[in-house]
PDB file of N, CA and C in Angstrom:
ATOM      1  N   MET A   1       0.830  -1.188   0.000  1.00  0.00           N
ATOM      2  CA  MET A   1       0.000   0.000   0.000  1.00  0.00           C
ATOM      3  C   MET A   1       0.878   1.256   0.000  1.00  0.00           C
ATOM      4  N   LEU A   2       1.964   1.215   0.757  1.00  0.00           N
ATOM      5  CA  LEU A   2       2.869   2.343   0.803  1.00  0.00           C
ATOM      6  C   LEU A   2       3.510   2.576  -0.566  1.00  0.00           C
ATOM      7  N   TYR A   3       3.816   1.499  -1.272  1.00  0.00           N
ATOM      8  CA  TYR A   3       4.390   1.593  -2.614  1.00  0.00           C
ATOM      9  C   TYR A   3       3.452   2.328  -3.563  1.00  0.00           C
ATOM     10  N   TRP A   4       2.180   1.960  -3.545  1.00  0.00           N
ATOM     11  CA  TRP A   4       1.208   2.610  -4.429  1.00  0.00           C
ATOM     12  C   TRP A   4       0.966   4.052  -4.033  1.00  0.00           C
ATOM     13  N   ALA A   5       0.984   4.331  -2.736  1.00  0.00           N
ATOM     14  CA  ALA A   5       0.813   5.710  -2.292  1.00  0.00           C
ATOM     15  C   ALA A   5       1.962   6.578  -2.792  1.00  0.00           C
ATOM     16  N   LEU A   6       3.170   6.055  -2.757  1.00  0.00           N
ATOM     17  CA  LEU A   6       4.319   6.805  -3.262  1.00  0.00           C
ATOM     18  C   LEU A   6       4.222   7.039  -4.763  1.00  0.00           C
ATOM     19  N   ILE A   7       3.807   6.017  -5.513  1.00  0.00           N
ATOM     20  CA  ILE A   7       3.669   6.158  -6.965  1.00  0.00           C
ATOM     21  C   ILE A   7       2.639   7.229  -7.302  1.00  0.00           C
ATOM     22  N   PHE A   8       1.492   7.181  -6.663  1.00  0.00           N
ATOM     23  CA  PHE A   8       0.446   8.146  -6.976  1.00  0.00           C
ATOM     24  C   PHE A   8       0.789   9.541  -6.455  1.00  0.00           C
ATOM     25  N   LEU A   9       1.560   9.622  -5.381  1.00  0.00           N
ATOM     26  CA  LEU A   9       2.012  10.928  -4.912  1.00  0.00           C
ATOM     27  C   LEU A   9       2.934  11.571  -5.947  1.00  0.00           C
ATOM     28  N   VAL A  10       3.836  10.786  -6.513  1.00  0.00           N
ATOM     29  CA  VAL A  10       4.736  11.307  -7.554  1.00  0.00           C
ATOM     30  C   VAL A  10       3.929  11.713  -8.783  1.00  0.00           C
ATOM     31  N   LEU A  11       2.955  10.909  -9.165  1.00  0.00           N
ATOM     32  CA  LEU A  11       2.118  11.258 -10.311  1.00  0.00           C
ATOM     33  C   LEU A  11       1.326  12.546 -10.049  1.00  0.00           C
ATOM     34  N   ALA A  12       0.844  12.708  -8.838  1.00  0.00           N
ATOM     35  CA  ALA A  12       0.109  13.922  -8.500  1.00  0.00           C
ATOM     36  C   ALA A  12       1.025  15.138  -8.522  1.00  0.00           C
ATOM     37  N   LEU A  13       2.266  14.973  -8.073  1.00  0.00           N
ATOM     38  CA  LEU A  13       3.213  16.079  -8.124  1.00  0.00           C
ATOM     39  C   LEU A  13       3.540  16.470  -9.565  1.00  0.00           C
ATOM     40  N   ILE A  14       3.719  15.481 -10.431  1.00  0.00           N
ATOM     41  CA  ILE A  14       3.979  15.763 -11.847  1.00  0.00           C
ATOM     42  C   ILE A  14       2.777  16.454 -12.474  1.00  0.00           C
ATOM     43  N   ALA A  15       1.593  15.963 -12.191  1.00  0.00           N
ATOM     44  CA  ALA A  15       0.384  16.602 -12.710  1.00  0.00           C
ATOM     45  C   ALA A  15       0.252  18.014 -12.148  1.00  0.00           C
ATOM     46  N   GLY A  16       0.669  18.218 -10.911  1.00  0.00           N
ATOM     47  CA  GLY A  16       0.627  19.543 -10.304  1.00  0.00           C
ATOM     48  C   GLY A  16       1.564  20.517 -10.991  1.00  0.00           C
ATOM     49  N   VAL A  17       2.754  20.045 -11.350  1.00  0.00           N
ATOM     50  CA  VAL A  17       3.706  20.915 -12.045  1.00  0.00           C
ATOM     51  C   VAL A  17       3.120  21.380 -13.369  1.00  0.00           C
ATOM     52  N   PHE A  18       2.529  20.465 -14.110  1.00  0.00           N
ATOM     53  CA  PHE A  18       1.935  20.842 -15.387  1.00  0.00           C
ATOM     54  C   PHE A  18       0.683  21.696 -15.194  1.00  0.00           C
ATOM     55  N   GLY A  19      -0.123  21.345 -14.233  1.00  0.00           N
ATOM     56  CA  GLY A  19      -1.369  22.071 -14.018  1.00  0.00           C
ATOM     57  C   GLY A  19      -1.157  23.458 -13.453  1.00  0.00           C
ATOM     58  N   PHE A  20      -0.247  23.586 -12.483  1.00  0.00           N
ATOM     59  CA  PHE A  20      -0.019  24.885 -11.867  1.00  0.00           C
ATOM     60  C   PHE A  20       0.745  25.813 -12.801  1.00  0.00           C
ATOM     61  N   GLY A  21       1.421  25.251 -13.801  1.00  0.00           N
ATOM     62  CA  GLY A  21       2.176  26.056 -14.748  1.00  0.00           C
ATOM     63  C   GLY A  21       1.300  26.757 -15.759  1.00  0.00           C
ATOM     64  N   GLY A  22       0.035  26.479 -15.804  1.00  0.00           N
ATOM     65  CA  GLY A  22      -0.876  27.149 -16.715  1.00  0.00           C
ATOM     66  C   GLY A  22      -1.135  26.377 -17.998  1.00  0.00           C
ATOM     67  N   ILE A  23      -0.697  25.126 -18.084  1.00  0.00           N
ATOM     68  CA  ILE A  23      -0.920  24.342 -19.301  1.00  0.00           C
ATOM     69  C   ILE A  23      -2.403  24.047 -19.464  1.00  0.00           C
ATOM     70  N   ALA A  24      -3.044  23.668 -18.379  1.00  0.00           N
ATOM     71  CA  ALA A  24      -4.481  23.397 -18.441  1.00  0.00           C
ATOM     72  C   ALA A  24      -5.079  23.736 -17.079  1.00  0.00           C
ATOM     73  N   SER A  25      -6.091  24.581 -17.084  1.00  0.00           N
ATOM     74  CA  SER A  25      -6.678  24.985 -15.804  1.00  0.00           C
ATOM     75  C   SER A  25      -7.441  23.838 -15.142  1.00  0.00           C
ATOM     76  N   ALA A  26      -8.025  22.970 -15.943  1.00  0.00           N
ATOM     77  CA  ALA A  26      -8.731  21.821 -15.377  1.00  0.00           C
ATOM     78  C   ALA A  26      -7.748  20.857 -14.716  1.00  0.00           C
ATOM     79  N   ALA A  27      -6.559  20.721 -15.283  1.00  0.00           N
ATOM     80  CA  ALA A  27      -5.548  19.829 -14.709  1.00  0.00           C
ATOM     81  C   ALA A  27      -5.083  20.342 -13.350  1.00  0.00           C
ATOM     82  N   ALA A  28      -5.103  21.657 -13.150  1.00  0.00           N
ATOM     83  CA  ALA A  28      -4.684  22.214 -11.866  1.00  0.00           C
ATOM     84  C   ALA A  28      -5.631  21.782 -10.747  1.00  0.00           C
ATOM     85  N   GLY A  29      -6.920  21.826 -11.015  1.00  0.00           N
ATOM     86  CA  GLY A  29      -7.881  21.399 -10.000  1.00  0.00           C
ATOM     87  C   GLY A  29      -7.763  19.925  -9.684  1.00  0.00           C
ATOM     88  N   ILE A  30      -7.602  19.125 -10.717  1.00  0.00           N
ATOM     89  CA  ILE A  30      -7.439  17.686 -10.524  1.00  0.00           C
ATOM     90  C   ILE A  30      -6.149  17.399  -9.774  1.00  0.00           C
ATOM     91  N   ALA A  31      -5.087  18.105 -10.123  1.00  0.00           N
ATOM     92  CA  ALA A  31      -3.802  17.884  -9.468  1.00  0.00           C
ATOM     93  C   ALA A  31      -3.852  18.253  -7.994  1.00  0.00           C
ATOM     94  N   LYS A  32      -4.545  19.319  -7.670  1.00  0.00           N
ATOM     95  CA  LYS A  32      -4.672  19.711  -6.265  1.00  0.00           C
ATOM     96  C   LYS A  32      -5.385  18.627  -5.468  1.00  0.00           C
ATOM     97  N   ILE A  33      -6.465  18.112  -6.035  1.00  0.00           N
ATOM     98  CA  ILE A  33      -7.214  17.052  -5.354  1.00  0.00           C
ATOM     99  C   ILE A  33      -6.357  15.806  -5.198  1.00  0.00           C
ATOM    100  N   LEU A  34      -5.705  15.387  -6.283  1.00  0.00           N
ATOM    101  CA  LEU A  34      -4.852  14.190  -6.225  1.00  0.00           C
ATOM    102  C   LEU A  34      -3.699  14.376  -5.257  1.00  0.00           C
ATOM    103  N   PHE A  35      -3.110  15.539  -5.247  1.00  0.00           N
ATOM    104  CA  PHE A  35      -1.986  15.791  -4.350  1.00  0.00           C
ATOM    105  C   PHE A  35      -2.390  15.584  -2.899  1.00  0.00           C
ATOM    106  N   PHE A  36      -3.499  16.189  -2.490  1.00  0.00           N
ATOM    107  CA  PHE A  36      -3.901  16.073  -1.095  1.00  0.00           C
ATOM    108  C   PHE A  36      -4.417  14.680  -0.748  1.00  0.00           C
ATOM    109  N   VAL A  37      -5.105  14.027  -1.681  1.00  0.00           N
ATOM    110  CA  VAL A  37      -5.586  12.666  -1.421  1.00  0.00           C
ATOM    111  C   VAL A  37      -4.413  11.726  -1.209  1.00  0.00           C
ATOM    112  N   PHE A  38      -3.423  11.794  -2.087  1.00  0.00           N
ATOM    113  CA  PHE A  38      -2.315  10.859  -1.970  1.00  0.00           C
ATOM    114  C   PHE A  38      -1.312  11.268  -0.909  1.00  0.00           C
ATOM    115  N   LEU A  39      -1.275  12.526  -0.548  1.00  0.00           N
ATOM    116  CA  LEU A  39      -0.476  12.929   0.598  1.00  0.00           C
ATOM    117  C   LEU A  39      -1.048  12.316   1.876  1.00  0.00           C
ATOM    118  N   VAL A  40      -2.372  12.334   1.995  1.00  0.00           N
ATOM    119  CA  VAL A  40      -3.025  11.711   3.151  1.00  0.00           C
ATOM    120  C   VAL A  40      -2.783  10.199   3.133  1.00  0.00           C
ATOM    121  N   LEU A  41      -2.912   9.573   1.965  1.00  0.00           N
ATOM    122  CA  LEU A  41      -2.651   8.136   1.872  1.00  0.00           C
ATOM    123  C   LEU A  41      -1.209   7.807   2.233  1.00  0.00           C
ATOM    124  N   PHE A  42      -0.276   8.643   1.835  1.00  0.00           N
ATOM    125  CA  PHE A  42       1.128   8.428   2.160  1.00  0.00           C
ATOM    126  C   PHE A  42       1.352   8.490   3.669  1.00  0.00           C
ATOM    127  N   VAL A  43       0.783   9.488   4.317  1.00  0.00           N
ATOM    128  CA  VAL A  43       0.947   9.631   5.768  1.00  0.00           C
ATOM    129  C   VAL A  43       0.284   8.465   6.502  1.00  0.00           C
ATOM    130  N   VAL A  44      -0.895   8.073   6.056  1.00  0.00           N
ATOM    131  CA  VAL A  44      -1.577   6.933   6.679  1.00  0.00           C
ATOM    132  C   VAL A  44      -0.749   5.667   6.496  1.00  0.00           C
ATOM    133  N   GLY A  45      -0.177   5.499   5.317  1.00  0.00           N
ATOM    134  CA  GLY A  45       0.678   4.336   5.071  1.00  0.00           C
ATOM    135  C   GLY A  45       1.910   4.328   5.952  1.00  0.00           C
ATOM    136  N   LEU A  46       2.526   5.491   6.140  1.00  0.00           N
ATOM    137  CA  LEU A  46       3.684   5.570   7.025  1.00  0.00           C
ATOM    138  C   LEU A  46       3.307   5.241   8.469  1.00  0.00           C
ATOM    139  N   LEU A  47       2.187   5.794   8.920  1.00  0.00           N
ATOM    140  CA  LEU A  47       1.754   5.523  10.294  1.00  0.00           C
ATOM    141  C   LEU A  47       1.391   4.058  10.479  1.00  0.00           C
ATOM    142  N   PHE A  48       0.709   3.485   9.498  1.00  0.00           N
ATOM    143  CA  PHE A  48       0.318   2.083   9.586  1.00  0.00           C
ATOM    144  C   PHE A  48       1.569   1.199   9.652  1.00  0.00           C
ATOM    145  N   ASN A  49       2.555   1.523   8.814  1.00  0.00           N
ATOM    146  CA  ASN A  49       3.782   0.738   8.786  1.00  0.00           C
ATOM    147  C   ASN A  49       4.562   0.899  10.089  1.00  0.00           C
ATOM    148  N   ALA A  50       4.548   2.075  10.681  1.00  0.00           N
ATOM    149  CA  ALA A  50       5.281   2.312  11.918  1.00  0.00           C
ATOM    150  C   ALA A  50       4.662   1.570  13.096  1.00  0.00           C
ATOM    151  N   PHE A  51       3.346   1.562  13.169  1.00  0.00           N
ATOM    152  CA  PHE A  51       2.678   0.931  14.310  1.00  0.00           C
ATOM    153  C   PHE A  51       2.442  -0.559  14.133  1.00  0.00           C
ATOM    154  N   ARG A  52       2.527  -1.052  12.918  1.00  0.00           N
ATOM    155  CA  ARG A  52       2.275  -2.471  12.659  1.00  0.00           C
ATOM    156  C   ARG A  52       3.355  -3.354  13.237  1.00  0.00           C
ATOM    157  N   GLY A  53       4.610  -2.885  13.218  1.00  0.00           N
ATOM    158  CA  GLY A  53       5.718  -3.720  13.656  1.00  0.00           C
ATOM    159  C   GLY A  53       5.881  -3.798  15.164  1.00  0.00           C
ATOM    160  N   ARG A  54       5.206  -2.965  15.906  1.00  0.00           N
ATOM    161  CA  ARG A  54       5.376  -2.951  17.359  1.00  0.00           C
ATOM    162  C   ARG A  54       4.413  -3.935  18.026  1.00  0.00           C
ATOM    163  N   GLY A  55       4.957  -4.668  18.956  1.00  0.00           N
ATOM    164  CA  GLY A  55       4.137  -5.623  19.688  1.00  0.00           C
ATOM    165  C   GLY A  55       3.984  -5.212  21.136  1.00  0.00           C
ATOM    166  N   PRO A  56       3.148  -5.926  21.896  1.00  0.00           N
ATOM    167  CA  PRO A  56       2.936  -5.585  23.314  1.00  0.00           C
ATOM    168  C   PRO A  56       4.113  -5.910  24.192  1.00  0.00           C
TER     169      PRO A  56
END
């Protein structure tokens, strides 16, 4: 899950560079949404991975 979150985070960043640069205004809105969605998924994946390995 962490692997896919990283892949989609990179894709969202690339889409953000193109969208925020003025190439397509619709791409900017999509990139903003994707960026924040996959940023949240990345953080959740990191937290899940950190707490999964700890035992009582």
